[in-house]
Amino acid sequence: MHPSEERLENIRMIRDSAVAFAPAAELGRVRELRYQTPGFDADVWREIAENGWIGLSLPEEQGGAGLGMGEYCALLEALGAALVPEPFVPAVLAARLLGGDELAAQLTGERLLLPALQEGIDSLDAAAGNTRFSGGRVSGPKINIPMAAGADGFLVSTPEGLALVEADAAGVELALQQTQDGGHFGTLTLTDAPARLLPLDAEALADALDEAALGTAAYLLGGAEQAFAMTVDYLRTRKQFGQVIGTFQALQHRAVDLKLQLALWRASLDAAAIACDSGAPVAQRRAAVSRAKARSADAALLVTRQAVQLHGAIGYTDECDVGLFLRKAMTLANLYGSSALHRRRYDAHMPSLADA
């Protein structure tokens, strides 16, 4: 199944809008926000919300734009190329799980709620762990919350449902761990913190996590393609021994290998987006998303590491922008599931596909 002309035009317009909003060549803002708290710009976040991007893939009856994964991935590719530090994917994941006034405030940027779903390393089982809700209070730990310092509240997963916890409530302790890209992950420790229980549909949560995994794969692809473009430009201009180094056959071969990796990555990402948008069976959608995420986790690190190496010694300095893309890949490669987890998940869905 191929996207219609109308869908392709939507994708092009969204990509153009995102590129104008966050030009890939302008990384000064990204550098200024590194190692700061909260690590992103609240004004930029509100502008993102005003553009309608948080609700891009939400149904129109919920206040969204009603567009699909093709448009969503196109937007994230552009944001990834510019290394936009705002926690867009986690915020969209939270929006998927909200309703009513809380959803409206999330979509307008009035409030920023972030999901706190993980207790174990490399796990997508949001119901697993020791966090419990009882009597209007929640207790337990949650880890790996991107850019948590900027959140107004958290959606905490428990076996009883989603607990909405305000960031400044009593019994809420947030510890920040700096990440390679200059941002941070938050570790949330809740001790009888007051909370409001929201209904949680297991299938809706699984779909939201798939969307987050696919969005992360798209963000990483945008960054890797930008790092590769920067590298090709460098190979075409840097001279050694009186020759442009891009004429050296060994470097040409390495560049071609990276281009192939990017092409395979894009093919798997596009296939997953089409599977989601076409209403494919659940097993097929899950397998397609896991294939795309597994490839993205490996290829992001491969492409950005090689980009640094092909820049030579300058590539290893902090002043060289190409290194920022490697740092981002190191931070996000395992978010919403590592390549190993998604390979296991893909394999688990294969019998279902064979029986279909």
Protein backbone atom coordinates (compact mmCIF):
# COMPACT_ATOMS: atom_id res chain seq x y z
CA MET A 1 0.00 0.00 0.00
CA HIS A 2 1.37 3.39 -0.99
CA PRO A 3 0.32 6.77 0.43
CA SER A 4 -2.12 8.78 -1.66
CA GLU A 5 -1.14 12.04 -3.31
CA GLU A 6 -3.03 13.90 -0.59
CA ARG A 7 -1.09 12.08 2.14
CA LEU A 8 2.21 12.77 0.41
CA GLU A 9 1.31 16.46 0.18
CA ASN A 10 0.44 16.50 3.91
CA ILE A 11 3.78 14.90 4.71
CA ARG A 12 5.65 17.39 2.56
CA MET A 13 3.90 20.37 4.14
CA ILE A 14 4.53 19.13 7.67
CA ARG A 15 8.18 18.45 6.92
CA ASP A 16 8.61 21.91 5.38
CA SER A 17 6.90 23.54 8.37
CA ALA A 18 9.13 21.69 10.83
CA VAL A 19 12.30 22.53 8.89
CA ALA A 20 11.36 26.22 8.92
CA PHE A 21 10.64 26.00 12.65
CA ALA A 22 13.90 24.18 13.49
CA PRO A 23 16.58 24.52 10.79
CA ALA A 24 19.02 21.64 10.96
CA ALA A 25 22.02 23.87 10.37
CA GLU A 26 21.33 26.07 13.39
CA LEU A 27 22.45 24.25 16.54
CA GLY A 28 23.32 27.25 18.68
CA ARG A 29 20.15 26.92 20.76
CA VAL A 30 20.84 23.22 21.31
CA ARG A 31 24.32 23.99 22.59
CA GLU A 32 23.07 26.73 24.92
CA LEU A 33 20.51 24.44 26.55
CA ARG A 34 22.91 21.54 27.20
CA TYR A 35 23.53 20.68 30.85
CA GLN A 36 20.93 23.20 31.96
CA THR A 37 17.71 22.63 33.89
CA PRO A 38 15.10 21.87 32.61
CA GLY A 39 17.14 21.52 29.41
CA PHE A 40 14.56 22.90 27.00
CA ASP A 41 12.79 26.19 26.30
CA ALA A 42 9.26 26.62 27.69
CA ASP A 43 8.46 29.24 25.06
CA VAL A 44 9.51 26.91 22.26
CA TRP A 45 7.41 24.16 23.82
CA ARG A 46 4.34 26.41 23.78
CA GLU A 47 5.04 27.24 20.14
CA ILE A 48 5.22 23.53 19.34
CA ALA A 49 1.82 23.14 21.00
CA GLU A 50 0.39 26.13 19.11
CA ASN A 51 1.47 24.50 15.86
CA GLY A 52 -0.83 21.60 16.74
CA TRP A 53 1.96 19.08 16.64
CA ILE A 54 1.29 17.43 20.01
CA GLY A 55 -2.11 16.35 18.76
CA LEU A 56 -1.00 15.64 15.20
CA SER A 57 -1.90 11.94 15.31
CA LEU A 58 -4.78 12.17 17.78
CA PRO A 59 -8.34 11.78 16.46
CA GLU A 60 -10.17 15.01 15.69
CA GLU A 61 -12.87 14.23 18.26
CA GLN A 62 -10.16 14.34 20.94
CA GLY A 63 -8.86 17.72 19.79
CA GLY A 64 -6.16 16.38 17.50
CA ALA A 65 -5.50 16.76 13.78
CA GLY A 66 -6.46 13.17 12.93
CA LEU A 67 -3.36 12.53 10.81
CA GLY A 68 -1.35 9.34 10.74
CA MET A 69 2.05 7.87 11.49
CA GLY A 70 3.39 8.96 8.10
CA GLU A 71 2.92 12.61 9.04
CA TYR A 72 4.06 12.02 12.62
CA CYS A 73 7.30 10.39 11.50
CA ALA A 74 7.96 13.13 8.94
CA LEU A 75 7.66 15.73 11.69
CA LEU A 76 10.00 13.84 13.99
CA GLU A 77 12.60 13.34 11.27
CA ALA A 78 12.79 17.11 10.88
CA LEU A 79 12.96 17.65 14.65
CA GLY A 80 15.67 15.00 14.91
CA ALA A 81 17.75 16.63 12.19
CA ALA A 82 17.76 19.80 14.32
CA LEU A 83 18.32 17.88 17.59
CA VAL A 84 15.30 19.62 19.14
CA PRO A 85 15.65 18.99 22.91
CA GLU A 86 11.99 19.45 23.90
CA PRO A 87 10.40 16.16 25.14
CA PHE A 88 8.03 15.81 22.21
CA VAL A 89 7.70 12.02 22.00
CA PRO A 90 7.07 11.50 25.75
CA ALA A 91 4.51 14.33 25.74
CA VAL A 92 2.63 12.79 22.81
CA LEU A 93 2.71 9.43 24.59
CA ALA A 94 1.14 11.08 27.65
CA ALA A 95 -1.48 12.80 25.49
CA ARG A 96 -2.50 9.41 24.11
CA LEU A 97 -3.36 8.32 27.66
CA LEU A 98 -5.23 11.46 28.73
CA GLY A 99 -8.74 12.78 28.27
CA GLY A 100 -10.93 15.73 29.14
CA ASP A 101 -9.40 18.87 30.62
CA GLU A 102 -6.02 17.25 31.21
CA LEU A 103 -5.73 16.37 27.53
CA ALA A 104 -6.79 19.85 26.48
CA ALA A 105 -4.12 21.44 28.71
CA GLN A 106 -1.49 19.06 27.31
CA LEU A 107 -2.38 19.87 23.71
CA THR A 108 -2.25 23.63 24.24
CA GLY A 109 1.06 23.50 26.12
CA GLU A 110 -0.56 24.95 29.24
CA ARG A 111 0.71 21.93 31.16
CA LEU A 112 3.35 19.32 30.48
CA LEU A 113 2.62 15.85 31.80
CA LEU A 114 5.21 13.16 31.19
CA PRO A 115 4.75 9.39 31.40
CA ALA A 116 6.51 7.52 34.21
CA LEU A 117 6.03 3.92 33.12
CA GLN A 118 9.30 2.10 33.63
CA GLU A 119 10.80 0.40 36.66
CA GLY A 120 13.08 -2.18 35.07
CA ILE A 121 15.90 -1.66 32.62
CA ASP A 122 14.87 -2.25 28.99
CA SER A 123 11.25 -3.13 29.71
CA LEU A 124 8.03 -2.14 27.97
CA ASP A 125 5.79 -3.76 30.59
CA ALA A 126 4.27 -0.70 32.22
CA ALA A 127 2.24 -2.78 34.67
CA ALA A 128 5.27 -4.62 36.03
CA GLY A 129 7.06 -3.44 39.16
CA ASN A 130 6.32 -2.43 42.72
CA THR A 131 4.44 0.84 42.29
CA ARG A 132 0.99 0.70 43.89
CA PHE A 133 -2.02 3.00 44.14
CA SER A 134 -4.25 2.77 47.21
CA GLY A 135 -6.55 5.18 48.98
CA GLY A 136 -5.74 8.11 46.73
CA ARG A 137 -1.98 7.74 47.19
CA VAL A 138 0.78 6.14 45.17
CA SER A 139 4.13 4.71 46.22
CA GLY A 140 6.98 3.24 44.21
CA PRO A 141 9.92 4.03 41.91
CA LYS A 142 10.00 4.98 38.22
CA ILE A 143 13.08 5.46 36.06
CA ASN A 144 14.20 6.84 32.68
CA ILE A 145 11.83 9.81 32.38
CA PRO A 146 13.28 12.09 29.66
CA MET A 147 13.61 15.78 30.58
CA ALA A 148 11.64 15.17 33.78
CA ALA A 149 12.70 18.45 35.43
CA GLY A 150 10.37 20.39 33.13
CA ALA A 151 7.23 18.39 33.92
CA ASP A 152 4.22 19.77 35.76
CA GLY A 153 3.14 16.26 36.63
CA PHE A 154 3.61 12.57 35.84
CA LEU A 155 1.43 9.76 34.59
CA VAL A 156 2.55 6.88 36.80
CA SER A 157 1.65 3.35 35.77
CA THR A 158 0.33 0.98 38.43
CA PRO A 159 -1.60 -2.32 38.26
CA GLU A 160 -4.66 -0.33 39.31
CA GLY A 161 -4.38 2.19 36.44
CA LEU A 162 -2.59 5.45 35.69
CA ALA A 163 -1.94 7.67 38.68
CA LEU A 164 -1.70 11.39 37.91
CA VAL A 165 0.83 12.91 40.31
CA GLU A 166 1.73 16.58 40.50
CA ALA A 167 5.47 17.23 40.35
CA ASP A 168 5.40 19.48 43.42
CA ALA A 169 3.20 17.23 45.55
CA ALA A 170 4.27 15.94 48.96
CA GLY A 171 6.00 12.58 48.79
CA VAL A 172 7.44 13.19 45.31
CA GLU A 173 11.21 12.99 44.98
CA LEU A 174 12.84 13.53 41.60
CA ALA A 175 16.52 12.78 40.99
CA LEU A 176 18.15 13.78 37.71
CA GLN A 177 20.86 11.87 35.85
CA GLN A 178 22.67 13.81 33.13
CA THR A 179 22.81 12.14 29.75
CA GLN A 180 25.44 12.24 27.01
CA ASP A 181 23.49 14.74 24.92
CA GLY A 182 23.36 17.34 27.71
CA GLY A 183 19.82 16.51 28.76
CA HIS A 184 18.74 14.26 31.60
CA PHE A 185 16.62 11.32 32.66
CA GLY A 186 14.60 11.52 35.84
CA THR A 187 14.20 8.89 38.54
CA LEU A 188 10.94 9.32 40.42
CA THR A 189 10.51 8.04 43.97
CA LEU A 190 6.96 8.25 45.31
CA THR A 191 6.13 7.82 48.98
CA ASP A 192 2.41 8.03 49.70
CA ALA A 193 2.15 10.85 47.18
CA PRO A 194 -1.38 12.16 46.58
CA ALA A 195 -2.62 11.06 43.17
CA ARG A 196 -5.71 10.83 41.03
CA LEU A 197 -6.41 7.52 39.33
CA LEU A 198 -7.15 7.61 35.61
CA PRO A 199 -8.56 4.71 33.62
CA LEU A 200 -5.95 2.73 31.72
CA ASP A 201 -6.74 0.59 28.70
CA ALA A 202 -3.97 -1.96 28.14
CA GLU A 203 -4.42 -1.96 24.36
CA ALA A 204 -4.36 1.84 24.19
CA LEU A 205 -1.16 1.87 26.23
CA ALA A 206 0.45 -0.71 23.93
CA ASP A 207 -0.50 1.36 20.88
CA ALA A 208 0.86 4.53 22.53
CA LEU A 209 4.16 2.80 23.29
CA ASP A 210 4.37 1.61 19.69
CA GLU A 211 3.84 5.18 18.51
CA ALA A 212 6.57 6.39 20.87
CA ALA A 213 9.00 3.71 19.67
CA LEU A 214 8.30 4.55 16.03
CA GLY A 215 8.57 8.27 16.71
CA THR A 216 11.95 7.75 18.38
CA ALA A 217 13.12 5.74 15.37
CA ALA A 218 12.06 8.61 13.10
CA TYR A 219 13.79 11.23 15.28
CA LEU A 220 17.00 9.19 15.23
CA LEU A 221 16.76 8.76 11.44
CA GLY A 222 16.50 12.51 10.96
CA GLY A 223 19.59 13.01 13.10
CA ALA A 224 21.57 10.26 11.38
CA GLU A 225 20.74 11.58 7.91
CA GLN A 226 21.85 15.06 8.95
CA ALA A 227 25.11 13.69 10.40
CA PHE A 228 25.69 11.78 7.16
CA ALA A 229 25.01 14.88 5.03
CA MET A 230 27.49 16.86 7.14
CA THR A 231 30.05 14.09 6.68
CA VAL A 232 29.64 13.96 2.91
CA ASP A 233 30.11 17.74 2.76
CA TYR A 234 33.28 17.37 4.83
CA LEU A 235 34.63 14.62 2.56
CA ARG A 236 34.04 16.86 -0.44
CA THR A 237 35.98 19.82 0.98
CA ARG A 238 38.73 18.47 3.28
CA LYS A 239 42.07 18.07 1.54
CA GLN A 240 44.95 15.79 2.46
CA PHE A 241 48.14 15.21 0.50
CA GLY A 242 46.87 17.76 -1.98
CA GLN A 243 43.67 15.84 -2.72
CA VAL A 244 40.07 16.06 -1.57
CA ILE A 245 39.68 13.12 0.81
CA GLY A 246 36.32 12.23 -0.74
CA THR A 247 38.25 10.94 -3.75
CA PHE A 248 39.90 8.23 -1.63
CA GLN A 249 38.24 4.95 -2.49
CA ALA A 250 38.37 3.56 1.05
CA LEU A 251 36.38 6.52 2.37
CA GLN A 252 33.94 6.31 -0.54
CA HIS A 253 33.24 2.67 0.34
CA ARG A 254 32.56 3.57 3.97
CA ALA A 255 30.21 6.36 2.92
CA VAL A 256 28.31 4.00 0.60
CA ASP A 257 27.91 1.48 3.42
CA LEU A 258 26.38 4.19 5.61
CA LYS A 259 24.06 5.29 2.81
CA LEU A 260 22.83 1.70 2.50
CA GLN A 261 22.15 1.55 6.23
CA LEU A 262 20.10 4.75 6.01
CA ALA A 263 18.13 3.44 3.03
CA LEU A 264 17.28 0.18 4.81
CA TRP A 265 16.35 2.12 7.93
CA ARG A 266 14.00 4.40 6.00
CA ALA A 267 12.38 1.44 4.28
CA SER A 268 11.62 -0.25 7.60
CA LEU A 269 10.34 3.01 9.11
CA ASP A 270 8.05 3.72 6.14
CA ALA A 271 6.75 0.14 6.21
CA ALA A 272 5.91 0.43 9.91
CA ALA A 273 4.13 3.76 9.40
CA ILE A 274 2.08 2.29 6.54
CA ALA A 275 1.20 -0.77 8.64
CA CYS A 276 -0.08 1.49 11.41
CA ASP A 277 -2.00 3.80 9.10
CA SER A 278 -3.58 1.04 7.02
CA GLY A 279 -5.17 -0.74 9.98
CA ALA A 280 -3.03 -3.85 9.63
CA PRO A 281 -3.59 -6.69 12.12
CA VAL A 282 -2.13 -6.07 15.56
CA ALA A 283 0.62 -8.69 15.24
CA GLN A 284 1.73 -7.20 11.91
CA ARG A 285 1.80 -3.67 13.34
CA ARG A 286 3.75 -4.72 16.43
CA ALA A 287 6.27 -6.65 14.33
CA ALA A 288 6.74 -3.77 11.88
CA VAL A 289 7.31 -1.25 14.68
CA SER A 290 9.80 -3.55 16.42
CA ARG A 291 11.70 -4.13 13.18
CA ALA A 292 11.98 -0.37 12.63
CA LYS A 293 13.00 0.36 16.23
CA ALA A 294 15.57 -2.46 16.34
CA ARG A 295 17.17 -1.24 13.13
CA SER A 296 17.13 2.37 14.28
CA ALA A 297 18.87 1.58 17.58
CA ASP A 298 21.75 -0.16 15.84
CA ALA A 299 22.01 2.02 12.74
CA ALA A 300 21.87 5.29 14.68
CA LEU A 301 24.98 4.38 16.62
CA LEU A 302 26.74 2.96 13.56
CA VAL A 303 26.10 5.97 11.31
CA THR A 304 26.88 8.66 13.88
CA ARG A 305 30.05 6.92 15.12
CA GLN A 306 31.29 6.54 11.57
CA ALA A 307 30.40 10.18 10.89
CA VAL A 308 32.63 11.25 13.77
CA GLN A 309 35.46 8.99 12.57
CA LEU A 310 35.24 10.21 8.97
CA HIS A 311 35.69 13.77 10.22
CA GLY A 312 39.07 12.76 11.61
CA ALA A 313 40.50 14.36 14.74
CA ILE A 314 38.21 17.41 14.54
CA GLY A 315 35.20 15.11 14.82
CA TYR A 316 36.18 14.14 18.37
CA THR A 317 36.15 17.71 19.64
CA ASP A 318 33.08 19.16 21.33
CA GLU A 319 33.21 22.16 19.00
CA CYS A 320 32.44 19.95 15.99
CA ASP A 321 28.68 19.66 15.58
CA VAL A 322 28.75 16.11 14.22
CA GLY A 323 29.54 14.81 17.68
CA LEU A 324 26.23 16.16 18.97
CA PHE A 325 24.42 13.62 16.80
CA LEU A 326 26.41 10.73 18.25
CA ARG A 327 25.62 11.93 21.76
CA LYS A 328 21.91 12.08 20.94
CA ALA A 329 21.99 8.60 19.44
CA MET A 330 23.70 7.22 22.54
CA THR A 331 20.97 8.76 24.68
CA LEU A 332 17.91 7.69 22.68
CA ALA A 333 18.90 4.39 21.06
CA ASN A 334 17.41 2.28 23.87
CA LEU A 335 14.46 4.52 24.74
CA TYR A 336 11.17 2.60 24.40
CA GLY A 337 13.09 -0.61 23.90
CA SER A 338 16.59 -1.61 22.84
CA SER A 339 17.36 -3.45 19.63
CA ALA A 340 17.61 -6.71 21.61
CA LEU A 341 14.18 -6.22 23.18
CA HIS A 342 12.54 -5.37 19.87
CA ARG A 343 14.17 -8.33 18.11
CA ARG A 344 12.68 -10.61 20.76
CA ARG A 345 9.33 -8.87 20.34
CA TYR A 346 9.49 -9.19 16.55
CA ASP A 347 10.28 -12.88 16.89
CA ALA A 348 7.37 -13.35 19.30
CA HIS A 349 4.92 -11.95 16.74
CA MET A 350 6.19 -14.06 13.84
CA PRO A 351 4.04 -17.16 14.65
CA SER A 352 0.97 -14.88 14.65
CA LEU A 353 1.92 -13.56 11.24
CA ALA A 354 2.46 -17.09 9.90
CA ASP A 355 -1.01 -18.13 11.07
CA ALA A 356 -2.72 -15.04 9.60
